[in-house]
Amino acid sequence: MTKKSALLLALSSALTLQLIVAVLAIAQTTSANPAGDVPVNLENIKNEGFTIVPAEPNAINGREFIFEVKPGEETRDSVMVRNLSDTETLFYLYGADPTVSAQGTPAYKTRDTESNEEGKWITFDHSQVVLGPNEDRKEYFTLRVPADAEPGEYRAGIAIEKTKKDSQNANITIATRVILHSKITVSENPSPVPKAAAPVLSGSDTKNQWQIYYFWISLILFLGSFAALIWVTYQEKKAGRVAQTTTAHRASPIKPAVKPATPKRATSHRRKPATRRSHPKKS
């Protein structure tokens, strides 16, 4: 193994370790906080293991709803409801009429009291929702202002409620609820209420995002180094085969070319005819 291959192998091992650490960190964060955190710019109203917050908070006061509506018109909005308990739970969603408590502070009527005022203006698409353990869901509602409503300021409650039997007496039902305030301005010239640009993530959400980025960066670097290792290994093997072939050619001596023998021409020995000498006759 060459130095280049050894370095790539070491890099791949280090990136593999980083990838494993990133996966374990993300898994630990998810298991520790499966439902995520409520944005820190909203108050996490917890009571009896459930919470409700505006799903799209306004830029004025993100803890309550602010509406400006013309008489006879309607508007849509939504809430984020979350079951913080470990058991499946049935929740009730409804609009509550305003009232005054015994101490003289603003309050809202209960669910068993029929709404005939501003609470009646609010209608949820689903008045009952069943949420599993640590499950959250976005629920929509409609605010309809009656056509005969006088211009002015109104208020209504947006409530989530759950009930359970008393452990000491089964004939007693205990109701627990959380209410979001809503300020309603009825006007002939309503102004749009600005929404918050984006919810601010909590510290754990930011940490989880960086863990996800770290995971993907480690994965890309790991795959790149692994592909480079394969390519370098292939090139080394290819170069080794070429070197072996060249060495084999140099080791075998080159025989000189043998010139083919030229066939000899057959020499024919012809016998010369005998020359007869003629002697002159003597007279």
C-alpha atoms as a PDB file:
ATOM      1  CA  MET A   1       0.000   0.000   0.000  1.00  0.00           C
ATOM      2  CA  THR A   2       1.396   3.391  -0.998  1.00  0.00           C
ATOM      3  CA  LYS A   3       1.475   6.502   1.177  1.00  0.00           C
ATOM      4  CA  LYS A   4      -1.415   7.987  -0.770  1.00  0.00           C
ATOM      5  CA  SER A   5      -3.606   4.946  -0.139  1.00  0.00           C
ATOM      6  CA  ALA A   6      -2.648   4.895   3.537  1.00  0.00           C
ATOM      7  CA  LEU A   7      -3.604   8.558   3.950  1.00  0.00           C
ATOM      8  CA  LEU A   8      -6.944   8.065   2.222  1.00  0.00           C
ATOM      9  CA  LEU A   9      -7.671   5.012   4.371  1.00  0.00           C
ATOM     10  CA  ALA A  10      -6.885   6.980   7.543  1.00  0.00           C
ATOM     11  CA  LEU A  11      -9.127   9.835   6.370  1.00  0.00           C
ATOM     12  CA  SER A  12     -11.980   7.434   5.628  1.00  0.00           C
ATOM     13  CA  SER A  13     -11.649   5.871   9.084  1.00  0.00           C
ATOM     14  CA  ALA A  14     -11.705   9.278  10.797  1.00  0.00           C
ATOM     15  CA  LEU A  15     -14.750  10.406   8.817  1.00  0.00           C
ATOM     16  CA  THR A  16     -16.522   7.134   9.579  1.00  0.00           C
ATOM     17  CA  LEU A  17     -15.988   7.756  13.283  1.00  0.00           C
ATOM     18  CA  GLN A  18     -17.333  11.307  12.942  1.00  0.00           C
ATOM     19  CA  LEU A  19     -20.368   9.994  11.069  1.00  0.00           C
ATOM     20  CA  ILE A  20     -21.127   7.495  13.855  1.00  0.00           C
ATOM     21  CA  VAL A  21     -20.779  10.209  16.509  1.00  0.00           C
ATOM     22  CA  ALA A  22     -23.174  12.512  14.586  1.00  0.00           C
ATOM     23  CA  VAL A  23     -25.790   9.755  14.218  1.00  0.00           C
ATOM     24  CA  LEU A  24     -25.622   8.904  17.934  1.00  0.00           C
ATOM     25  CA  ALA A  25     -25.895  12.588  18.917  1.00  0.00           C
ATOM     26  CA  ILE A  26     -28.985  13.135  16.732  1.00  0.00           C
ATOM     27  CA  ALA A  27     -30.601   9.947  18.044  1.00  0.00           C
ATOM     28  CA  GLN A  28     -29.962  10.982  21.648  1.00  0.00           C
ATOM     29  CA  THR A  29     -31.422  14.466  21.109  1.00  0.00           C
ATOM     30  CA  THR A  30     -34.518  13.065  19.376  1.00  0.00           C
ATOM     31  CA  SER A  31     -35.190  10.518  22.109  1.00  0.00           C
ATOM     32  CA  ALA A  32     -34.659  13.095  24.848  1.00  0.00           C
ATOM     33  CA  ASN A  33     -37.019  15.620  23.237  1.00  0.00           C
ATOM     34  CA  PRO A  34     -39.310  13.828  20.754  1.00  0.00           C
ATOM     35  CA  ALA A  35     -41.819  16.644  20.395  1.00  0.00           C
ATOM     36  CA  GLY A  36     -39.309  19.486  20.200  1.00  0.00           C
ATOM     37  CA  ASP A  37     -39.410  22.729  22.153  1.00  0.00           C
ATOM     38  CA  VAL A  38     -41.901  25.528  22.056  1.00  0.00           C
ATOM     39  CA  PRO A  39     -40.339  28.639  20.459  1.00  0.00           C
ATOM     40  CA  VAL A  40     -38.756  30.779  23.171  1.00  0.00           C
ATOM     41  CA  ASN A  41     -40.549  33.896  21.959  1.00  0.00           C
ATOM     42  CA  LEU A  42     -43.796  32.283  23.165  1.00  0.00           C
ATOM     43  CA  GLU A  43     -44.646  31.397  26.744  1.00  0.00           C
ATOM     44  CA  ASN A  44     -44.845  27.615  27.159  1.00  0.00           C
ATOM     45  CA  ILE A  45     -48.132  27.402  29.025  1.00  0.00           C
ATOM     46  CA  LYS A  46     -48.031  24.004  30.682  1.00  0.00           C
ATOM     47  CA  ASN A  47     -50.769  22.583  32.837  1.00  0.00           C
ATOM     48  CA  GLU A  48     -51.512  18.948  33.478  1.00  0.00           C
ATOM     49  CA  GLY A  49     -49.239  17.798  30.663  1.00  0.00           C
ATOM     50  CA  PHE A  50     -50.527  19.801  27.689  1.00  0.00           C
ATOM     51  CA  THR A  51     -50.018  23.192  26.109  1.00  0.00           C
ATOM     52  CA  ILE A  52     -51.461  25.511  23.456  1.00  0.00           C
ATOM     53  CA  VAL A  53     -49.744  28.378  21.632  1.00  0.00           C
ATOM     54  CA  PRO A  54     -50.498  30.418  18.503  1.00  0.00           C
ATOM     55  CA  ALA A  55     -49.182  28.510  15.515  1.00  0.00           C
ATOM     56  CA  GLU A  56     -48.434  31.745  13.630  1.00  0.00           C
ATOM     57  CA  PRO A  57     -47.856  34.381  16.310  1.00  0.00           C
ATOM     58  CA  ASN A  58     -48.303  38.047  15.569  1.00  0.00           C
ATOM     59  CA  ALA A  59     -45.471  40.554  15.787  1.00  0.00           C
ATOM     60  CA  ILE A  60     -47.169  42.633  18.513  1.00  0.00           C
ATOM     61  CA  ASN A  61     -47.711  40.061  21.252  1.00  0.00           C
ATOM     62  CA  GLY A  62     -46.965  36.464  20.383  1.00  0.00           C
ATOM     63  CA  ARG A  63     -48.696  35.096  23.500  1.00  0.00           C
ATOM     64  CA  GLU A  64     -52.192  36.082  22.407  1.00  0.00           C
ATOM     65  CA  PHE A  65     -54.282  36.598  19.283  1.00  0.00           C
ATOM     66  CA  ILE A  66     -55.008  40.043  17.859  1.00  0.00           C
ATOM     67  CA  PHE A  67     -57.699  40.444  15.204  1.00  0.00           C
ATOM     68  CA  GLU A  68     -59.089  43.397  13.254  1.00  0.00           C
ATOM     69  CA  VAL A  69     -62.206  42.406  11.354  1.00  0.00           C
ATOM     70  CA  LYS A  70     -64.996  44.204   9.535  1.00  0.00           C
ATOM     71  CA  PRO A  71     -68.587  43.491  10.645  1.00  0.00           C
ATOM     72  CA  GLY A  72     -70.049  40.514   8.771  1.00  0.00           C
ATOM     73  CA  GLU A  73     -66.605  39.182   7.728  1.00  0.00           C
ATOM     74  CA  GLU A  74     -64.403  36.361   8.957  1.00  0.00           C
ATOM     75  CA  THR A  75     -60.736  35.428   9.306  1.00  0.00           C
ATOM     76  CA  ARG A  76     -58.760  32.206   9.769  1.00  0.00           C
ATOM     77  CA  ASP A  77     -55.985  31.379  12.202  1.00  0.00           C
ATOM     78  CA  SER A  78     -54.494  28.363  13.960  1.00  0.00           C
ATOM     79  CA  VAL A  79     -53.089  27.045  17.220  1.00  0.00           C
ATOM     80  CA  MET A  80     -50.448  24.442  17.993  1.00  0.00           C
ATOM     81  CA  VAL A  81     -51.674  21.952  20.610  1.00  0.00           C
ATOM     82  CA  ARG A  82     -49.342  19.475  22.247  1.00  0.00           C
ATOM     83  CA  ASN A  83     -49.790  16.495  24.525  1.00  0.00           C
ATOM     84  CA  LEU A  84     -46.850  16.455  26.932  1.00  0.00           C
ATOM     85  CA  SER A  85     -47.937  13.317  28.765  1.00  0.00           C
ATOM     86  CA  ASP A  86     -47.043   9.677  28.084  1.00  0.00           C
ATOM     87  CA  THR A  87     -50.641   8.597  27.475  1.00  0.00           C
ATOM     88  CA  GLU A  88     -53.148   9.159  24.678  1.00  0.00           C
ATOM     89  CA  THR A  89     -55.487  12.003  25.655  1.00  0.00           C
ATOM     90  CA  LEU A  90     -58.738  13.527  24.377  1.00  0.00           C
ATOM     91  CA  PHE A  91     -58.769  17.338  24.222  1.00  0.00           C
ATOM     92  CA  TYR A  92     -61.615  19.802  23.648  1.00  0.00           C
ATOM     93  CA  LEU A  93     -61.087  23.010  21.652  1.00  0.00           C
ATOM     94  CA  TYR A  94     -63.595  25.855  21.834  1.00  0.00           C
ATOM     95  CA  GLY A  95     -64.157  29.586  22.079  1.00  0.00           C
ATOM     96  CA  ALA A  96     -65.077  30.915  25.519  1.00  0.00           C
ATOM     97  CA  ASP A  97     -67.216  33.927  26.381  1.00  0.00           C
ATOM     98  CA  PRO A  98     -65.582  36.654  28.492  1.00  0.00           C
ATOM     99  CA  THR A  99     -66.622  37.167  32.085  1.00  0.00           C
ATOM    100  CA  VAL A 100     -65.304  38.593  35.337  1.00  0.00           C
ATOM    101  CA  SER A 101     -63.989  36.516  38.208  1.00  0.00           C
ATOM    102  CA  ALA A 102     -65.007  36.918  41.845  1.00  0.00           C
ATOM    103  CA  GLN A 103     -61.856  38.976  42.347  1.00  0.00           C
ATOM    104  CA  GLY A 104     -62.898  41.335  39.560  1.00  0.00           C
ATOM    105  CA  THR A 105     -60.261  40.165  37.067  1.00  0.00           C
ATOM    106  CA  PRO A 106     -60.996  39.182  33.438  1.00  0.00           C
ATOM    107  CA  ALA A 107     -61.991  35.522  33.092  1.00  0.00           C
ATOM    108  CA  TYR A 108     -63.773  33.180  30.666  1.00  0.00           C
ATOM    109  CA  LYS A 109     -66.791  30.957  30.975  1.00  0.00           C
ATOM    110  CA  THR A 110     -66.420  27.179  31.153  1.00  0.00           C
ATOM    111  CA  ARG A 111     -67.204  24.678  28.427  1.00  0.00           C
ATOM    112  CA  ASP A 112     -70.422  23.524  30.017  1.00  0.00           C
ATOM    113  CA  THR A 113     -71.757  27.080  29.781  1.00  0.00           C
ATOM    114  CA  GLU A 114     -73.316  27.897  26.421  1.00  0.00           C
ATOM    115  CA  SER A 115     -71.482  30.639  24.552  1.00  0.00           C
ATOM    116  CA  ASN A 116     -73.759  33.436  23.392  1.00  0.00           C
ATOM    117  CA  GLU A 117     -71.250  36.265  23.086  1.00  0.00           C
ATOM    118  CA  GLU A 118     -67.791  36.630  21.563  1.00  0.00           C
ATOM    119  CA  GLY A 119     -66.901  33.008  22.313  1.00  0.00           C
ATOM    120  CA  LYS A 120     -69.543  31.989  19.827  1.00  0.00           C
ATOM    121  CA  TRP A 121     -67.669  33.853  17.095  1.00  0.00           C
ATOM    122  CA  ILE A 122     -64.853  31.292  17.258  1.00  0.00           C
ATOM    123  CA  THR A 123     -65.376  27.869  15.678  1.00  0.00           C
ATOM    124  CA  PHE A 124     -62.728  25.155  15.399  1.00  0.00           C
ATOM    125  CA  ASP A 125     -62.584  22.807  12.433  1.00  0.00           C
ATOM    126  CA  HIS A 126     -62.226  19.978  14.973  1.00  0.00           C
ATOM    127  CA  SER A 127     -63.771  20.595  18.375  1.00  0.00           C
ATOM    128  CA  GLN A 128     -62.249  17.365  19.721  1.00  0.00           C
ATOM    129  CA  VAL A 129     -58.768  15.978  19.032  1.00  0.00           C
ATOM    130  CA  VAL A 130     -57.032  12.862  20.300  1.00  0.00           C
ATOM    131  CA  LEU A 131     -53.276  13.211  20.674  1.00  0.00           C
ATOM    132  CA  GLY A 132     -50.863  10.392  21.306  1.00  0.00           C
ATOM    133  CA  PRO A 133     -47.988  10.586  23.785  1.00  0.00           C
ATOM    134  CA  ASN A 134     -45.799  13.643  23.102  1.00  0.00           C
ATOM    135  CA  GLU A 135     -47.738  14.391  19.916  1.00  0.00           C
ATOM    136  CA  ASP A 136     -48.412  17.898  18.634  1.00  0.00           C
ATOM    137  CA  ARG A 137     -50.834  19.081  15.989  1.00  0.00           C
ATOM    138  CA  LYS A 138     -51.836  22.262  14.216  1.00  0.00           C
ATOM    139  CA  GLU A 139     -55.549  23.027  14.497  1.00  0.00           C
ATOM    140  CA  TYR A 140     -57.404  25.721  12.545  1.00  0.00           C
ATOM    141  CA  PHE A 141     -60.323  27.879  13.624  1.00  0.00           C
ATOM    142  CA  THR A 142     -62.514  30.589  12.084  1.00  0.00           C
ATOM    143  CA  LEU A 143     -63.449  33.907  13.658  1.00  0.00           C
ATOM    144  CA  ARG A 144     -66.808  35.144  12.267  1.00  0.00           C
ATOM    145  CA  VAL A 145     -67.923  38.614  13.309  1.00  0.00           C
ATOM    146  CA  PRO A 146     -71.709  39.135  13.114  1.00  0.00           C
ATOM    147  CA  ALA A 147     -72.893  41.694  10.619  1.00  0.00           C
ATOM    148  CA  ASP A 148     -74.709  43.613  13.355  1.00  0.00           C
ATOM    149  CA  ALA A 149     -71.642  43.854  15.611  1.00  0.00           C
ATOM    150  CA  GLU A 150     -70.942  47.421  16.681  1.00  0.00           C
ATOM    151  CA  PRO A 151     -67.455  48.800  16.011  1.00  0.00           C
ATOM    152  CA  GLY A 152     -65.318  48.550  19.114  1.00  0.00           C
ATOM    153  CA  GLU A 153     -63.043  46.333  21.185  1.00  0.00           C
ATOM    154  CA  TYR A 154     -64.014  42.793  22.141  1.00  0.00           C
ATOM    155  CA  ARG A 155     -62.303  39.823  23.702  1.00  0.00           C
ATOM    156  CA  ALA A 156     -62.778  36.069  23.665  1.00  0.00           C
ATOM    157  CA  GLY A 157     -60.934  33.038  24.962  1.00  0.00           C
ATOM    158  CA  ILE A 158     -59.461  30.236  22.851  1.00  0.00           C
ATOM    159  CA  ALA A 159     -59.414  27.220  25.130  1.00  0.00           C
ATOM    160  CA  ILE A 160     -58.044  23.695  25.241  1.00  0.00           C
ATOM    161  CA  GLU A 161     -59.454  21.396  27.905  1.00  0.00           C
ATOM    162  CA  LYS A 162     -59.149  17.821  29.101  1.00  0.00           C
ATOM    163  CA  THR A 163     -61.157  15.931  31.689  1.00  0.00           C
ATOM    164  CA  LYS A 164     -60.421  13.046  34.053  1.00  0.00           C
ATOM    165  CA  LYS A 165     -62.175  11.187  36.817  1.00  0.00           C
ATOM    166  CA  ASP A 166     -61.310  11.958  40.404  1.00  0.00           C
ATOM    167  CA  SER A 167     -59.190   9.181  41.864  1.00  0.00           C
ATOM    168  CA  GLN A 168     -61.107   9.411  45.171  1.00  0.00           C
ATOM    169  CA  ASN A 169     -64.616   9.668  43.724  1.00  0.00           C
ATOM    170  CA  ALA A 170     -65.517   8.321  40.274  1.00  0.00           C
ATOM    171  CA  ASN A 171     -68.657  10.498  40.219  1.00  0.00           C
ATOM    172  CA  ILE A 172     -66.532  13.645  40.125  1.00  0.00           C
ATOM    173  CA  THR A 173     -65.015  14.807  36.835  1.00  0.00           C
ATOM    174  CA  ILE A 174     -62.055  17.182  36.995  1.00  0.00           C
ATOM    175  CA  ALA A 175     -61.658  19.549  34.051  1.00  0.00           C
ATOM    176  CA  THR A 176     -58.329  21.236  33.342  1.00  0.00           C
ATOM    177  CA  ARG A 177     -57.951  23.888  30.682  1.00  0.00           C
ATOM    178  CA  VAL A 178     -55.567  26.477  29.277  1.00  0.00           C
ATOM    179  CA  ILE A 179     -56.873  29.624  27.586  1.00  0.00           C
ATOM    180  CA  LEU A 180     -55.273  31.984  25.090  1.00  0.00           C
ATOM    181  CA  HIS A 181     -56.537  35.561  25.112  1.00  0.00           C
ATOM    182  CA  SER A 182     -57.752  37.120  21.885  1.00  0.00           C
ATOM    183  CA  LYS A 183     -58.325  40.816  21.314  1.00  0.00           C
ATOM    184  CA  ILE A 184     -60.889  41.532  18.602  1.00  0.00           C
ATOM    185  CA  THR A 185     -61.222  44.952  17.033  1.00  0.00           C
ATOM    186  CA  VAL A 186     -64.371  45.406  14.957  1.00  0.00           C
ATOM    187  CA  SER A 187     -63.872  48.255  12.482  1.00  0.00           C
ATOM    188  CA  GLU A 188     -65.180  49.423   9.150  1.00  0.00           C
ATOM    189  CA  ASN A 189     -61.560  49.949   8.068  1.00  0.00           C
ATOM    190  CA  PRO A 190     -59.583  47.112   9.662  1.00  0.00           C
ATOM    191  CA  SER A 191     -55.794  47.109   9.417  1.00  0.00           C
ATOM    192  CA  PRO A 192     -53.880  43.884   8.851  1.00  0.00           C
ATOM    193  CA  VAL A 193     -52.132  42.528  11.942  1.00  0.00           C
ATOM    194  CA  PRO A 194     -48.456  41.824  11.181  1.00  0.00           C
ATOM    195  CA  LYS A 195     -47.205  38.306  11.767  1.00  0.00           C
ATOM    196  CA  ALA A 196     -43.879  37.478  13.328  1.00  0.00           C
ATOM    197  CA  ALA A 197     -41.155  36.938  10.727  1.00  0.00           C
ATOM    198  CA  ALA A 198     -40.122  33.529  12.049  1.00  0.00           C
ATOM    199  CA  PRO A 199     -40.210  31.750  15.386  1.00  0.00           C
ATOM    200  CA  VAL A 200     -36.972  31.925  17.348  1.00  0.00           C
ATOM    201  CA  LEU A 201     -35.529  28.486  17.900  1.00  0.00           C
ATOM    202  CA  SER A 202     -34.567  27.400  21.360  1.00  0.00           C
ATOM    203  CA  GLY A 203     -31.054  26.323  22.278  1.00  0.00           C
ATOM    204  CA  SER A 204     -31.787  22.629  21.853  1.00  0.00           C
ATOM    205  CA  ASP A 205     -33.305  23.203  18.400  1.00  0.00           C
ATOM    206  CA  THR A 206     -30.214  25.129  17.288  1.00  0.00           C
ATOM    207  CA  LYS A 207     -27.970  22.400  18.644  1.00  0.00           C
ATOM    208  CA  ASN A 208     -29.993  19.768  16.836  1.00  0.00           C
ATOM    209  CA  GLN A 209     -29.719  21.715  13.568  1.00  0.00           C
ATOM    210  CA  TRP A 210     -25.925  21.870  13.850  1.00  0.00           C
ATOM    211  CA  GLN A 211     -25.842  18.133  14.536  1.00  0.00           C
ATOM    212  CA  ILE A 212     -27.809  17.528  11.348  1.00  0.00           C
ATOM    213  CA  TYR A 213     -25.444  19.762   9.346  1.00  0.00           C
ATOM    214  CA  TYR A 214     -22.472  17.957  10.885  1.00  0.00           C
ATOM    215  CA  PHE A 215     -23.975  14.619   9.901  1.00  0.00           C
ATOM    216  CA  TRP A 216     -24.477  15.558   6.252  1.00  0.00           C
ATOM    217  CA  ILE A 217     -21.047  17.169   5.924  1.00  0.00           C
ATOM    218  CA  SER A 218     -19.414  14.079   7.448  1.00  0.00           C
ATOM    219  CA  LEU A 219     -21.395  11.809   5.149  1.00  0.00           C
ATOM    220  CA  ILE A 220     -20.393  13.752   2.011  1.00  0.00           C
ATOM    221  CA  LEU A 221     -16.721  13.803   3.016  1.00  0.00           C
ATOM    222  CA  PHE A 222     -16.819  10.111   3.843  1.00  0.00           C
ATOM    223  CA  LEU A 223     -18.327   9.161   0.482  1.00  0.00           C
ATOM    224  CA  GLY A 224     -15.828  11.418  -1.335  1.00  0.00           C
ATOM    225  CA  SER A 225     -12.817   9.930   0.431  1.00  0.00           C
ATOM    226  CA  PHE A 226     -14.137   6.410  -0.080  1.00  0.00           C
ATOM    227  CA  ALA A 227     -14.583   7.034  -3.823  1.00  0.00           C
ATOM    228  CA  ALA A 228     -11.059   8.534  -3.987  1.00  0.00           C
ATOM    229  CA  LEU A 229      -9.662   5.473  -2.214  1.00  0.00           C
ATOM    230  CA  ILE A 230     -11.295   3.158  -4.737  1.00  0.00           C
ATOM    231  CA  TRP A 231      -9.989   5.247  -7.658  1.00  0.00           C
ATOM    232  CA  VAL A 232      -6.421   5.360  -6.303  1.00  0.00           C
ATOM    233  CA  THR A 233      -6.453   1.610  -5.631  1.00  0.00           C
ATOM    234  CA  TYR A 234      -7.638   0.946  -9.177  1.00  0.00           C
ATOM    235  CA  GLN A 235      -4.955   3.204 -10.651  1.00  0.00           C
ATOM    236  CA  GLU A 236      -2.242   1.517  -8.596  1.00  0.00           C
ATOM    237  CA  LYS A 237      -3.331  -1.936  -9.710  1.00  0.00           C
ATOM    238  CA  LYS A 238      -3.456  -0.745 -13.304  1.00  0.00           C
ATOM    239  CA  ALA A 239       0.032   0.751 -13.050  1.00  0.00           C
ATOM    240  CA  GLY A 240       1.301  -2.475 -11.446  1.00  0.00           C
ATOM    241  CA  ARG A 241       0.011  -4.591 -14.335  1.00  0.00           C
ATOM    242  CA  VAL A 242       1.660  -2.275 -16.853  1.00  0.00           C
ATOM    243  CA  ALA A 243       4.963  -2.454 -14.946  1.00  0.00           C
ATOM    244  CA  GLN A 244       4.846  -6.244 -14.844  1.00  0.00           C
ATOM    245  CA  THR A 245       4.236  -6.430 -18.583  1.00  0.00           C
ATOM    246  CA  THR A 246       7.146  -4.052 -19.282  1.00  0.00           C
ATOM    247  CA  THR A 247       9.512  -6.048 -17.056  1.00  0.00           C
ATOM    248  CA  ALA A 248       8.554  -9.281 -18.749  1.00  0.00           C
ATOM    249  CA  HIS A 249       9.361  -7.822 -22.160  1.00  0.00           C
ATOM    250  CA  ARG A 250      12.761  -6.555 -20.988  1.00  0.00           C
ATOM    251  CA  ALA A 251      13.738  -9.906 -19.457  1.00  0.00           C
ATOM    252  CA  SER A 252      13.219 -11.973 -22.636  1.00  0.00           C
ATOM    253  CA  PRO A 253      16.184 -11.590 -25.170  1.00  0.00           C
ATOM    254  CA  ILE A 254      15.374 -10.597 -28.695  1.00  0.00           C
ATOM    255  CA  LYS A 255      16.573 -13.186 -31.226  1.00  0.00           C
ATOM    256  CA  PRO A 256      18.020 -11.803 -34.476  1.00  0.00           C
ATOM    257  CA  ALA A 257      16.027 -12.458 -37.539  1.00  0.00           C
ATOM    258  CA  VAL A 258      17.423 -15.375 -39.570  1.00  0.00           C
ATOM    259  CA  LYS A 259      17.725 -14.665 -43.205  1.00  0.00           C
ATOM    260  CA  PRO A 260      16.365 -17.540 -45.216  1.00  0.00           C
ATOM    261  CA  ALA A 261      19.002 -19.441 -47.212  1.00  0.00           C
ATOM    262  CA  THR A 262      19.058 -18.751 -50.892  1.00  0.00           C
ATOM    263  CA  PRO A 263      18.772 -22.019 -52.828  1.00  0.00           C
ATOM    264  CA  LYS A 264      21.793 -22.805 -54.913  1.00  0.00           C
ATOM    265  CA  ARG A 265      21.394 -23.007 -58.635  1.00  0.00           C
ATOM    266  CA  ALA A 266      22.062 -26.433 -60.004  1.00  0.00           C
ATOM    267  CA  THR A 267      25.152 -26.410 -62.273  1.00  0.00           C
ATOM    268  CA  SER A 268      24.831 -28.620 -65.314  1.00  0.00           C
ATOM    269  CA  HIS A 269      28.111 -30.043 -66.562  1.00  0.00           C
ATOM    270  CA  ARG A 270      27.791 -30.425 -70.294  1.00  0.00           C
ATOM    271  CA  ARG A 271      30.441 -32.346 -72.090  1.00  0.00           C
ATOM    272  CA  LYS A 272      32.049 -30.384 -74.801  1.00  0.00           C
ATOM    273  CA  PRO A 273      32.088 -32.172 -78.099  1.00  0.00           C
ATOM    274  CA  ALA A 274      35.521 -33.374 -79.100  1.00  0.00           C
ATOM    275  CA  THR A 275      37.207 -31.287 -81.781  1.00  0.00           C
ATOM    276  CA  ARG A 276      38.609 -33.282 -84.553  1.00  0.00           C
ATOM    277  CA  ARG A 277      41.643 -31.932 -86.136  1.00  0.00           C
ATOM    278  CA  SER A 278      41.924 -32.428 -89.832  1.00  0.00           C
ATOM    279  CA  HIS A 279      45.369 -33.127 -91.189  1.00  0.00           C
ATOM    280  CA  PRO A 280      46.111 -32.236 -94.753  1.00  0.00           C
ATOM    281  CA  LYS A 281      46.784 -35.083 -96.986  1.00  0.00           C
ATOM    282  CA  LYS A 282      50.218 -35.522 -98.259  1.00  0.00           C
ATOM    283  CA  SER A 283      50.515 -35.668-101.979  1.00  0.00           C
END
